[in-house]
Amino acid sequence: MSSELATHLTGRHVQVVLFPFSFIEYLRTVDSELTELEKIIALDRYIEIGGYPGPLLKNFNRRDYLSTLLRSTLYKDIVVRHHIRSPQGLDNLAIYLMSNITKEYSLNTLTRVIGFKSVHTVDKYLRQLEEALFFFSVRRFSYKVQELVRTSRKIYCTDNGLVTATSFRFSADLGKVYENLVAITLQKERLAGGLEYYFWKSPRQEEVDFVVKLGLQVTELIRVCVNLDDPETKEREVRALLKASKELKCKNLLILTERTDADEEAAWHDLHGTIRILPLWKWLDREAREIA
């Protein structure tokens, strides 16, 4: 594992984190020339099957392949390596997290829900799952370092295919897998040294999914919402962005949706701002993002 390499190869190694195929890389395996409608359809397929090359390039049963991959990594890379005597707890934690991506968690909550006796065991298992590159966590934004360390976190999985293959059906929670895909993209950029990102919540529980930060400056606020047709949903999304915009002094506001592509002047009470609404496929497609 990476921590062990750092111990044995001090000063003589460079760590490169290799993720499953991105949406752009997935498109290259399908067809390099697709229309906008075809890209929307391709995104729906990509969200379901994920980016692991095996099921994409060969005639594998996706669900069996990914479930086997998860079990093999759990038991060979974690259980055997760390001499875990009761692996069922680790297995339960992994499946629970797969079924609850994008949700906030605390170690105390995980300990209680899954039935562990010690919060320290949960902390250890979670770090091992993250080291095996199944999951990563995002902190709640705060300008105060001490609060940043103590705040709750949200859990994300490194591949949507693992989620749909091992947890409950994703169709009812399309917003979750959309958000998870955005988190994966930002995580890659963070690991490349490009940015930091967090989530934001107001005292009244309004939420912005991603606060993007470059250096000391908040540069972008992102909400993920599949459909804005419902007026109450749209009002909730706009309200959260405008409140965060005022508090964090950031005017670059973005909502990622399934199909809507527009710039809108938004207002809520005395708050005003311009919000860019963009289809997720276009945000993921770098060439289309540059054109936009």
C-alpha atoms as a PDB file:
ATOM      1  CA  MET A   1       0.000   0.000   0.000  1.00  0.00           C
ATOM      2  CA  SER A   2       1.072   3.603  -0.465  1.00  0.00           C
ATOM      3  CA  SER A   3       1.878   4.133   3.222  1.00  0.00           C
ATOM      4  CA  GLU A   4       4.169   1.100   3.183  1.00  0.00           C
ATOM      5  CA  LEU A   5       5.943   2.289   0.044  1.00  0.00           C
ATOM      6  CA  ALA A   6       6.576   5.631   1.728  1.00  0.00           C
ATOM      7  CA  THR A   7       8.211   3.773   4.633  1.00  0.00           C
ATOM      8  CA  HIS A   8      10.440   1.539   2.521  1.00  0.00           C
ATOM      9  CA  LEU A   9      11.272   3.967  -0.291  1.00  0.00           C
ATOM     10  CA  THR A  10      11.740   7.233   1.593  1.00  0.00           C
ATOM     11  CA  GLY A  11      12.683   9.971  -0.846  1.00  0.00           C
ATOM     12  CA  ARG A  12      12.793   7.553  -3.796  1.00  0.00           C
ATOM     13  CA  HIS A  13       9.222   7.268  -5.021  1.00  0.00           C
ATOM     14  CA  VAL A  14       6.426   9.278  -6.568  1.00  0.00           C
ATOM     15  CA  GLN A  15       2.843   8.279  -5.782  1.00  0.00           C
ATOM     16  CA  VAL A  16       0.449   8.225  -8.739  1.00  0.00           C
ATOM     17  CA  VAL A  17      -3.214   7.500  -7.981  1.00  0.00           C
ATOM     18  CA  LEU A  18      -4.888   5.718 -10.894  1.00  0.00           C
ATOM     19  CA  PHE A  19      -8.675   6.063 -11.024  1.00  0.00           C
ATOM     20  CA  PRO A  20     -11.117   4.062 -13.168  1.00  0.00           C
ATOM     21  CA  PHE A  21     -11.945   5.600 -16.554  1.00  0.00           C
ATOM     22  CA  SER A  22     -13.341   9.124 -16.462  1.00  0.00           C
ATOM     23  CA  PHE A  23     -16.404   9.975 -18.541  1.00  0.00           C
ATOM     24  CA  ILE A  24     -14.152  11.304 -21.314  1.00  0.00           C
ATOM     25  CA  GLU A  25     -12.103   8.108 -21.315  1.00  0.00           C
ATOM     26  CA  TYR A  26     -15.314   6.078 -21.298  1.00  0.00           C
ATOM     27  CA  LEU A  27     -16.547   7.966 -24.370  1.00  0.00           C
ATOM     28  CA  ARG A  28     -13.347   7.017 -26.181  1.00  0.00           C
ATOM     29  CA  THR A  29     -14.167   3.339 -25.644  1.00  0.00           C
ATOM     30  CA  VAL A  30     -17.650   3.878 -27.109  1.00  0.00           C
ATOM     31  CA  ASP A  31     -17.216   6.354 -29.964  1.00  0.00           C
ATOM     32  CA  SER A  32     -15.102   9.479 -30.330  1.00  0.00           C
ATOM     33  CA  GLU A  33     -17.787  11.304 -32.329  1.00  0.00           C
ATOM     34  CA  LEU A  34     -21.112  11.549 -30.498  1.00  0.00           C
ATOM     35  CA  THR A  35     -23.960  14.044 -30.698  1.00  0.00           C
ATOM     36  CA  GLU A  36     -25.129  15.890 -27.586  1.00  0.00           C
ATOM     37  CA  LEU A  37     -28.104  13.539 -27.206  1.00  0.00           C
ATOM     38  CA  GLU A  38     -25.830  10.524 -27.557  1.00  0.00           C
ATOM     39  CA  LYS A  39     -23.542  11.934 -24.848  1.00  0.00           C
ATOM     40  CA  ILE A  40     -26.509  12.333 -22.493  1.00  0.00           C
ATOM     41  CA  ILE A  41     -27.456   8.695 -23.125  1.00  0.00           C
ATOM     42  CA  ALA A  42     -23.816   7.656 -22.712  1.00  0.00           C
ATOM     43  CA  LEU A  43     -23.641   9.455 -19.347  1.00  0.00           C
ATOM     44  CA  ASP A  44     -26.655   7.485 -18.076  1.00  0.00           C
ATOM     45  CA  ARG A  45     -24.889   4.276 -19.083  1.00  0.00           C
ATOM     46  CA  TYR A  46     -21.557   5.376 -17.614  1.00  0.00           C
ATOM     47  CA  ILE A  47     -23.198   6.265 -14.299  1.00  0.00           C
ATOM     48  CA  GLU A  48     -24.600   2.750 -14.071  1.00  0.00           C
ATOM     49  CA  ILE A  49     -21.590   0.681 -15.165  1.00  0.00           C
ATOM     50  CA  GLY A  50     -18.757   2.893 -13.865  1.00  0.00           C
ATOM     51  CA  GLY A  51     -15.258   3.229 -15.259  1.00  0.00           C
ATOM     52  CA  TYR A  52     -13.461  -0.044 -14.505  1.00  0.00           C
ATOM     53  CA  PRO A  53     -11.951  -1.172 -17.846  1.00  0.00           C
ATOM     54  CA  GLY A  54     -12.792  -4.891 -17.526  1.00  0.00           C
ATOM     55  CA  PRO A  55     -16.574  -4.727 -18.042  1.00  0.00           C
ATOM     56  CA  LEU A  56     -16.155  -1.961 -20.646  1.00  0.00           C
ATOM     57  CA  LEU A  57     -13.607  -3.654 -22.884  1.00  0.00           C
ATOM     58  CA  LYS A  58     -14.416  -7.332 -22.402  1.00  0.00           C
ATOM     59  CA  ASN A  59     -17.565  -9.409 -22.194  1.00  0.00           C
ATOM     60  CA  PHE A  60     -17.647  -9.592 -18.379  1.00  0.00           C
ATOM     61  CA  ASN A  61     -20.745  -9.657 -16.221  1.00  0.00           C
ATOM     62  CA  ARG A  62     -20.375  -6.194 -14.689  1.00  0.00           C
ATOM     63  CA  ARG A  63     -22.131  -6.863 -11.399  1.00  0.00           C
ATOM     64  CA  ASP A  64     -20.283 -10.128 -10.739  1.00  0.00           C
ATOM     65  CA  TYR A  65     -16.936  -8.627 -11.763  1.00  0.00           C
ATOM     66  CA  LEU A  66     -17.235  -5.553  -9.538  1.00  0.00           C
ATOM     67  CA  SER A  67     -18.668  -7.463  -6.578  1.00  0.00           C
ATOM     68  CA  THR A  68     -15.762  -9.907  -6.814  1.00  0.00           C
ATOM     69  CA  LEU A  69     -13.300  -7.024  -7.070  1.00  0.00           C
ATOM     70  CA  LEU A  70     -14.749  -5.455  -3.927  1.00  0.00           C
ATOM     71  CA  ARG A  71     -14.615  -8.717  -1.944  1.00  0.00           C
ATOM     72  CA  SER A  72     -11.110  -9.560  -3.133  1.00  0.00           C
ATOM     73  CA  THR A  73      -9.771  -6.157  -2.136  1.00  0.00           C
ATOM     74  CA  LEU A  74     -11.554  -6.243   1.214  1.00  0.00           C
ATOM     75  CA  TYR A  75     -10.234  -9.640   2.174  1.00  0.00           C
ATOM     76  CA  LYS A  76      -6.806  -9.687   0.474  1.00  0.00           C
ATOM     77  CA  ASP A  77      -5.662  -6.075   0.743  1.00  0.00           C
ATOM     78  CA  ILE A  78      -7.253  -5.226   4.090  1.00  0.00           C
ATOM     79  CA  VAL A  79      -8.251  -8.264   6.154  1.00  0.00           C
ATOM     80  CA  VAL A  80      -5.117 -10.328   5.455  1.00  0.00           C
ATOM     81  CA  ARG A  81      -2.744  -7.375   5.439  1.00  0.00           C
ATOM     82  CA  HIS A  82      -4.010  -5.951   8.732  1.00  0.00           C
ATOM     83  CA  HIS A  83      -4.734  -9.310  10.414  1.00  0.00           C
ATOM     84  CA  ILE A  84      -8.407  -8.502  11.048  1.00  0.00           C
ATOM     85  CA  ARG A  85      -9.940 -11.293  13.098  1.00  0.00           C
ATOM     86  CA  SER A  86     -13.621 -10.426  12.549  1.00  0.00           C
ATOM     87  CA  PRO A  87     -13.939  -9.281   8.917  1.00  0.00           C
ATOM     88  CA  GLN A  88     -17.741  -9.181   8.947  1.00  0.00           C
ATOM     89  CA  GLY A  89     -17.671  -5.769  10.603  1.00  0.00           C
ATOM     90  CA  LEU A  90     -15.443  -4.376   7.853  1.00  0.00           C
ATOM     91  CA  ASP A  91     -17.708  -5.923   5.224  1.00  0.00           C
ATOM     92  CA  ASN A  92     -20.807  -4.399   6.841  1.00  0.00           C
ATOM     93  CA  LEU A  93     -19.167  -0.978   6.989  1.00  0.00           C
ATOM     94  CA  ALA A  94     -18.180  -1.097   3.305  1.00  0.00           C
ATOM     95  CA  ILE A  95     -21.671  -2.075   2.143  1.00  0.00           C
ATOM     96  CA  TYR A  96     -23.295   0.522   4.411  1.00  0.00           C
ATOM     97  CA  LEU A  97     -21.072   3.270   3.008  1.00  0.00           C
ATOM     98  CA  MET A  98     -21.755   2.108  -0.571  1.00  0.00           C
ATOM     99  CA  SER A  99     -25.473   2.455   0.124  1.00  0.00           C
ATOM    100  CA  ASN A 100     -25.077   5.884   1.713  1.00  0.00           C
ATOM    101  CA  ILE A 101     -22.722   7.785  -0.583  1.00  0.00           C
ATOM    102  CA  THR A 102     -23.016  11.611  -0.438  1.00  0.00           C
ATOM    103  CA  LYS A 103     -24.380  11.481   3.122  1.00  0.00           C
ATOM    104  CA  GLU A 104     -22.830  13.108   6.154  1.00  0.00           C
ATOM    105  CA  TYR A 105     -21.367  10.823   8.756  1.00  0.00           C
ATOM    106  CA  SER A 106     -19.575  10.874  12.060  1.00  0.00           C
ATOM    107  CA  LEU A 107     -17.600   8.074  13.639  1.00  0.00           C
ATOM    108  CA  ASN A 108     -20.054   7.927  16.523  1.00  0.00           C
ATOM    109  CA  THR A 109     -22.999   7.537  14.127  1.00  0.00           C
ATOM    110  CA  LEU A 110     -21.283   4.771  12.157  1.00  0.00           C
ATOM    111  CA  THR A 111     -20.404   2.980  15.404  1.00  0.00           C
ATOM    112  CA  ARG A 112     -24.003   3.028  16.550  1.00  0.00           C
ATOM    113  CA  VAL A 113     -25.676   2.185  13.221  1.00  0.00           C
ATOM    114  CA  ILE A 114     -23.442  -0.765  12.327  1.00  0.00           C
ATOM    115  CA  GLY A 115     -23.166  -2.069  15.884  1.00  0.00           C
ATOM    116  CA  PHE A 116     -19.463  -1.703  16.585  1.00  0.00           C
ATOM    117  CA  LYS A 117     -18.323  -1.642  20.187  1.00  0.00           C
ATOM    118  CA  SER A 118     -15.563   0.904  19.669  1.00  0.00           C
ATOM    119  CA  VAL A 119     -15.396   4.139  17.701  1.00  0.00           C
ATOM    120  CA  HIS A 120     -11.664   3.526  17.315  1.00  0.00           C
ATOM    121  CA  THR A 121     -12.385   0.330  15.359  1.00  0.00           C
ATOM    122  CA  VAL A 122     -14.667   2.230  12.998  1.00  0.00           C
ATOM    123  CA  ASP A 123     -12.025   4.916  12.535  1.00  0.00           C
ATOM    124  CA  LYS A 124      -9.404   2.256  11.740  1.00  0.00           C
ATOM    125  CA  TYR A 125     -11.643   0.400   9.280  1.00  0.00           C
ATOM    126  CA  LEU A 126     -12.639   3.616   7.523  1.00  0.00           C
ATOM    127  CA  ARG A 127      -9.018   4.669   7.072  1.00  0.00           C
ATOM    128  CA  GLN A 128      -8.215   1.230   5.652  1.00  0.00           C
ATOM    129  CA  LEU A 129     -11.117   1.447   3.183  1.00  0.00           C
ATOM    130  CA  GLU A 130      -9.921   4.881   2.080  1.00  0.00           C
ATOM    131  CA  GLU A 131      -6.326   3.671   1.775  1.00  0.00           C
ATOM    132  CA  ALA A 132      -7.584   0.857  -0.492  1.00  0.00           C
ATOM    133  CA  LEU A 133      -9.122   3.634  -2.640  1.00  0.00           C
ATOM    134  CA  PHE A 134     -12.727   2.547  -2.273  1.00  0.00           C
ATOM    135  CA  PHE A 135     -13.888   5.734  -0.560  1.00  0.00           C
ATOM    136  CA  PHE A 136     -12.844   9.278   0.202  1.00  0.00           C
ATOM    137  CA  SER A 137     -14.282  11.848   2.594  1.00  0.00           C
ATOM    138  CA  VAL A 138     -15.046  15.547   2.162  1.00  0.00           C
ATOM    139  CA  ARG A 139     -15.011  17.945   5.101  1.00  0.00           C
ATOM    140  CA  ARG A 140     -17.534  20.645   5.899  1.00  0.00           C
ATOM    141  CA  PHE A 141     -16.162  24.077   5.059  1.00  0.00           C
ATOM    142  CA  SER A 142     -14.931  26.392   7.785  1.00  0.00           C
ATOM    143  CA  TYR A 143     -12.430  29.224   7.895  1.00  0.00           C
ATOM    144  CA  LYS A 144     -11.309  28.019  11.326  1.00  0.00           C
ATOM    145  CA  VAL A 145      -8.788  25.165  11.215  1.00  0.00           C
ATOM    146  CA  GLN A 146      -9.930  23.632  14.511  1.00  0.00           C
ATOM    147  CA  GLU A 147     -13.560  23.563  13.368  1.00  0.00           C
ATOM    148  CA  LEU A 148     -12.499  22.103  10.010  1.00  0.00           C
ATOM    149  CA  VAL A 149     -10.862  19.160  11.771  1.00  0.00           C
ATOM    150  CA  ARG A 150     -13.832  18.513  14.059  1.00  0.00           C
ATOM    151  CA  THR A 151     -16.692  18.949  11.603  1.00  0.00           C
ATOM    152  CA  SER A 152     -18.685  16.091  10.117  1.00  0.00           C
ATOM    153  CA  ARG A 153     -17.786  14.708   6.700  1.00  0.00           C
ATOM    154  CA  LYS A 154     -19.513  13.313   3.633  1.00  0.00           C
ATOM    155  CA  ILE A 155     -18.592   9.967   2.119  1.00  0.00           C
ATOM    156  CA  TYR A 156     -18.024   9.301  -1.580  1.00  0.00           C
ATOM    157  CA  CYS A 157     -17.011   6.214  -3.584  1.00  0.00           C
ATOM    158  CA  THR A 158     -14.265   6.236  -6.212  1.00  0.00           C
ATOM    159  CA  ASP A 159     -16.482   4.584  -8.838  1.00  0.00           C
ATOM    160  CA  ASN A 160     -20.235   4.655  -9.434  1.00  0.00           C
ATOM    161  CA  GLY A 161     -20.117   1.135 -10.883  1.00  0.00           C
ATOM    162  CA  LEU A 162     -19.103  -0.242  -7.486  1.00  0.00           C
ATOM    163  CA  VAL A 163     -22.065   1.570  -5.938  1.00  0.00           C
ATOM    164  CA  THR A 164     -24.659   0.289  -8.397  1.00  0.00           C
ATOM    165  CA  ALA A 165     -23.212  -3.238  -8.346  1.00  0.00           C
ATOM    166  CA  THR A 166     -23.105  -3.675  -4.574  1.00  0.00           C
ATOM    167  CA  SER A 167     -25.793  -1.441  -3.062  1.00  0.00           C
ATOM    168  CA  PHE A 168     -29.458  -0.720  -3.651  1.00  0.00           C
ATOM    169  CA  ARG A 169     -30.779   0.298  -7.070  1.00  0.00           C
ATOM    170  CA  PHE A 170     -29.522   3.718  -8.081  1.00  0.00           C
ATOM    171  CA  SER A 171     -32.443   4.813 -10.283  1.00  0.00           C
ATOM    172  CA  ALA A 172     -34.370   6.331  -7.384  1.00  0.00           C
ATOM    173  CA  ASP A 173     -31.251   8.213  -6.253  1.00  0.00           C
ATOM    174  CA  LEU A 174     -29.917   9.582  -9.524  1.00  0.00           C
ATOM    175  CA  GLY A 175     -28.979  12.798  -7.729  1.00  0.00           C
ATOM    176  CA  LYS A 176     -26.630  10.843  -5.461  1.00  0.00           C
ATOM    177  CA  VAL A 177     -24.689   9.201  -8.269  1.00  0.00           C
ATOM    178  CA  TYR A 178     -24.550  12.549 -10.110  1.00  0.00           C
ATOM    179  CA  GLU A 179     -23.069  14.154  -6.997  1.00  0.00           C
ATOM    180  CA  ASN A 180     -20.694  11.245  -6.478  1.00  0.00           C
ATOM    181  CA  LEU A 181     -19.402  11.629 -10.035  1.00  0.00           C
ATOM    182  CA  VAL A 182     -18.738  15.343  -9.489  1.00  0.00           C
ATOM    183  CA  ALA A 183     -16.884  14.510  -6.264  1.00  0.00           C
ATOM    184  CA  ILE A 184     -14.703  11.967  -8.097  1.00  0.00           C
ATOM    185  CA  THR A 185     -13.778  14.583 -10.699  1.00  0.00           C
ATOM    186  CA  LEU A 186     -12.874  17.151  -8.029  1.00  0.00           C
ATOM    187  CA  GLN A 187     -10.947  14.532  -6.047  1.00  0.00           C
ATOM    188  CA  LYS A 188      -8.745  13.818  -9.066  1.00  0.00           C
ATOM    189  CA  GLU A 189      -7.989  17.521  -9.399  1.00  0.00           C
ATOM    190  CA  ARG A 190      -7.266  17.790  -5.677  1.00  0.00           C
ATOM    191  CA  LEU A 191      -4.809  14.892  -5.784  1.00  0.00           C
ATOM    192  CA  ALA A 192      -3.127  16.520  -8.785  1.00  0.00           C
ATOM    193  CA  GLY A 193      -2.526  19.574  -6.606  1.00  0.00           C
ATOM    194  CA  GLY A 194      -5.025  21.779  -8.395  1.00  0.00           C
ATOM    195  CA  LEU A 195      -7.537  22.674  -5.706  1.00  0.00           C
ATOM    196  CA  GLU A 196      -9.202  21.960  -2.393  1.00  0.00           C
ATOM    197  CA  TYR A 197     -12.922  21.388  -2.004  1.00  0.00           C
ATOM    198  CA  TYR A 198     -15.478  21.060   0.792  1.00  0.00           C
ATOM    199  CA  PHE A 199     -19.231  21.130   1.346  1.00  0.00           C
ATOM    200  CA  TRP A 200     -21.055  24.023   3.031  1.00  0.00           C
ATOM    201  CA  LYS A 201     -24.038  24.181   5.366  1.00  0.00           C
ATOM    202  CA  SER A 202     -25.837  27.143   6.840  1.00  0.00           C
ATOM    203  CA  PRO A 203     -27.195  27.208  10.414  1.00  0.00           C
ATOM    204  CA  ARG A 204     -30.621  26.512   8.847  1.00  0.00           C
ATOM    205  CA  GLN A 205     -29.229  23.445   7.021  1.00  0.00           C
ATOM    206  CA  GLU A 206     -29.169  24.914   3.515  1.00  0.00           C
ATOM    207  CA  GLU A 207     -26.376  23.126   1.710  1.00  0.00           C
ATOM    208  CA  VAL A 208     -23.944  23.668  -1.141  1.00  0.00           C
ATOM    209  CA  ASP A 209     -22.517  20.377  -2.366  1.00  0.00           C
ATOM    210  CA  PHE A 210     -19.058  21.657  -3.273  1.00  0.00           C
ATOM    211  CA  VAL A 211     -17.053  24.699  -2.254  1.00  0.00           C
ATOM    212  CA  VAL A 212     -14.019  24.871  -4.555  1.00  0.00           C
ATOM    213  CA  LYS A 213     -11.001  26.679  -3.137  1.00  0.00           C
ATOM    214  CA  LEU A 214      -7.727  27.717  -4.770  1.00  0.00           C
ATOM    215  CA  GLY A 215      -5.185  28.895  -2.234  1.00  0.00           C
ATOM    216  CA  LEU A 216      -6.992  31.154   0.217  1.00  0.00           C
ATOM    217  CA  GLN A 217      -9.804  32.060  -2.163  1.00  0.00           C
ATOM    218  CA  VAL A 218     -13.155  30.336  -2.710  1.00  0.00           C
ATOM    219  CA  THR A 219     -13.458  30.246  -6.488  1.00  0.00           C
ATOM    220  CA  GLU A 220     -16.666  28.299  -7.194  1.00  0.00           C
ATOM    221  CA  LEU A 221     -19.836  27.053  -5.503  1.00  0.00           C
ATOM    222  CA  ILE A 222     -21.520  23.976  -7.007  1.00  0.00           C
ATOM    223  CA  ARG A 223     -24.925  22.408  -6.462  1.00  0.00           C
ATOM    224  CA  VAL A 224     -25.907  19.126  -8.139  1.00  0.00           C
ATOM    225  CA  CYS A 225     -29.588  18.699  -9.030  1.00  0.00           C
ATOM    226  CA  VAL A 226     -30.820  16.349 -11.755  1.00  0.00           C
ATOM    227  CA  ASN A 227     -33.998  18.318 -12.524  1.00  0.00           C
ATOM    228  CA  LEU A 228     -35.026  21.904 -11.745  1.00  0.00           C
ATOM    229  CA  ASP A 229     -38.595  21.694 -13.087  1.00  0.00           C
ATOM    230  CA  ASP A 230     -40.165  21.692  -9.623  1.00  0.00           C
ATOM    231  CA  PRO A 231     -40.375  25.325  -8.362  1.00  0.00           C
ATOM    232  CA  GLU A 232     -39.735  24.334  -4.743  1.00  0.00           C
ATOM    233  CA  THR A 233     -36.637  22.373  -5.716  1.00  0.00           C
ATOM    234  CA  LYS A 234     -35.281  25.242  -7.786  1.00  0.00           C
ATOM    235  CA  GLU A 235     -35.974  27.743  -5.000  1.00  0.00           C
ATOM    236  CA  ARG A 236     -34.074  25.531  -2.533  1.00  0.00           C
ATOM    237  CA  GLU A 237     -31.081  25.238  -4.842  1.00  0.00           C
ATOM    238  CA  VAL A 238     -30.971  28.973  -5.561  1.00  0.00           C
ATOM    239  CA  ARG A 239     -31.423  29.963  -1.918  1.00  0.00           C
ATOM    240  CA  ALA A 240     -28.518  27.805  -0.772  1.00  0.00           C
ATOM    241  CA  LEU A 241     -26.181  29.141  -3.465  1.00  0.00           C
ATOM    242  CA  LEU A 242     -27.056  32.773  -2.822  1.00  0.00           C
ATOM    243  CA  LYS A 243     -26.604  32.428   0.940  1.00  0.00           C
ATOM    244  CA  ALA A 244     -23.263  30.702   0.503  1.00  0.00           C
ATOM    245  CA  SER A 245     -22.261  33.292  -2.087  1.00  0.00           C
ATOM    246  CA  LYS A 246     -22.789  36.091   0.411  1.00  0.00           C
ATOM    247  CA  GLU A 247     -21.017  34.332   3.289  1.00  0.00           C
ATOM    248  CA  LEU A 248     -18.046  33.051   1.274  1.00  0.00           C
ATOM    249  CA  LYS A 249     -17.782  36.085  -1.024  1.00  0.00           C
ATOM    250  CA  CYS A 250     -17.901  34.018  -4.204  1.00  0.00           C
ATOM    251  CA  LYS A 251     -19.973  34.991  -7.256  1.00  0.00           C
ATOM    252  CA  ASN A 252     -19.117  31.998  -9.427  1.00  0.00           C
ATOM    253  CA  LEU A 253     -22.268  29.912  -8.902  1.00  0.00           C
ATOM    254  CA  LEU A 254     -23.038  26.672 -10.737  1.00  0.00           C
ATOM    255  CA  ILE A 255     -25.881  24.139 -10.786  1.00  0.00           C
ATOM    256  CA  LEU A 256     -25.224  20.847 -12.581  1.00  0.00           C
ATOM    257  CA  THR A 257     -28.326  19.164 -14.016  1.00  0.00           C
ATOM    258  CA  GLU A 258     -29.308  16.483 -16.498  1.00  0.00           C
ATOM    259  CA  ARG A 259     -30.132  18.704 -19.493  1.00  0.00           C
ATOM    260  CA  THR A 260     -30.682  22.387 -18.636  1.00  0.00           C
ATOM    261  CA  ASP A 261     -28.144  24.801 -20.113  1.00  0.00           C
ATOM    262  CA  ALA A 262     -28.685  28.458 -19.216  1.00  0.00           C
ATOM    263  CA  ASP A 263     -27.487  31.529 -17.323  1.00  0.00           C
ATOM    264  CA  GLU A 264     -30.093  32.897 -14.925  1.00  0.00           C
ATOM    265  CA  GLU A 265     -30.345  36.003 -12.804  1.00  0.00           C
ATOM    266  CA  ALA A 266     -31.506  34.729  -9.421  1.00  0.00           C
ATOM    267  CA  ALA A 267     -32.849  36.498  -6.360  1.00  0.00           C
ATOM    268  CA  TRP A 268     -34.003  35.500  -2.899  1.00  0.00           C
ATOM    269  CA  HIS A 269     -35.083  38.281  -0.519  1.00  0.00           C
ATOM    270  CA  ASP A 270     -32.203  40.787  -0.620  1.00  0.00           C
ATOM    271  CA  LEU A 271     -29.737  38.335  -2.211  1.00  0.00           C
ATOM    272  CA  HIS A 272     -28.942  38.449  -5.926  1.00  0.00           C
ATOM    273  CA  GLY A 273     -26.582  36.665  -8.276  1.00  0.00           C
ATOM    274  CA  THR A 274     -26.034  35.075 -11.677  1.00  0.00           C
ATOM    275  CA  ILE A 275     -26.190  31.286 -11.699  1.00  0.00           C
ATOM    276  CA  ARG A 276     -24.770  29.129 -14.470  1.00  0.00           C
ATOM    277  CA  ILE A 277     -26.907  26.027 -15.052  1.00  0.00           C
ATOM    278  CA  LEU A 278     -25.058  23.342 -16.982  1.00  0.00           C
ATOM    279  CA  PRO A 279     -25.705  19.709 -17.998  1.00  0.00           C
ATOM    280  CA  LEU A 280     -23.426  17.339 -16.110  1.00  0.00           C
ATOM    281  CA  TRP A 281     -22.183  15.670 -19.314  1.00  0.00           C
ATOM    282  CA  LYS A 282     -20.993  19.052 -20.604  1.00  0.00           C
ATOM    283  CA  TRP A 283     -19.199  19.845 -17.334  1.00  0.00           C
ATOM    284  CA  LEU A 284     -17.471  16.461 -17.503  1.00  0.00           C
ATOM    285  CA  ASP A 285     -16.589  16.847 -21.174  1.00  0.00           C
ATOM    286  CA  ARG A 286     -13.522  19.109 -21.018  1.00  0.00           C
ATOM    287  CA  GLU A 287     -13.743  20.267 -24.614  1.00  0.00           C
ATOM    288  CA  ALA A 288     -17.394  21.230 -24.184  1.00  0.00           C
ATOM    289  CA  ARG A 289     -16.568  22.980 -20.877  1.00  0.00           C
ATOM    290  CA  GLU A 290     -13.890  25.090 -22.608  1.00  0.00           C
ATOM    291  CA  ILE A 291     -16.327  26.053 -25.367  1.00  0.00           C
ATOM    292  CA  ALA A 292     -18.980  26.933 -22.778  1.00  0.00           C
END
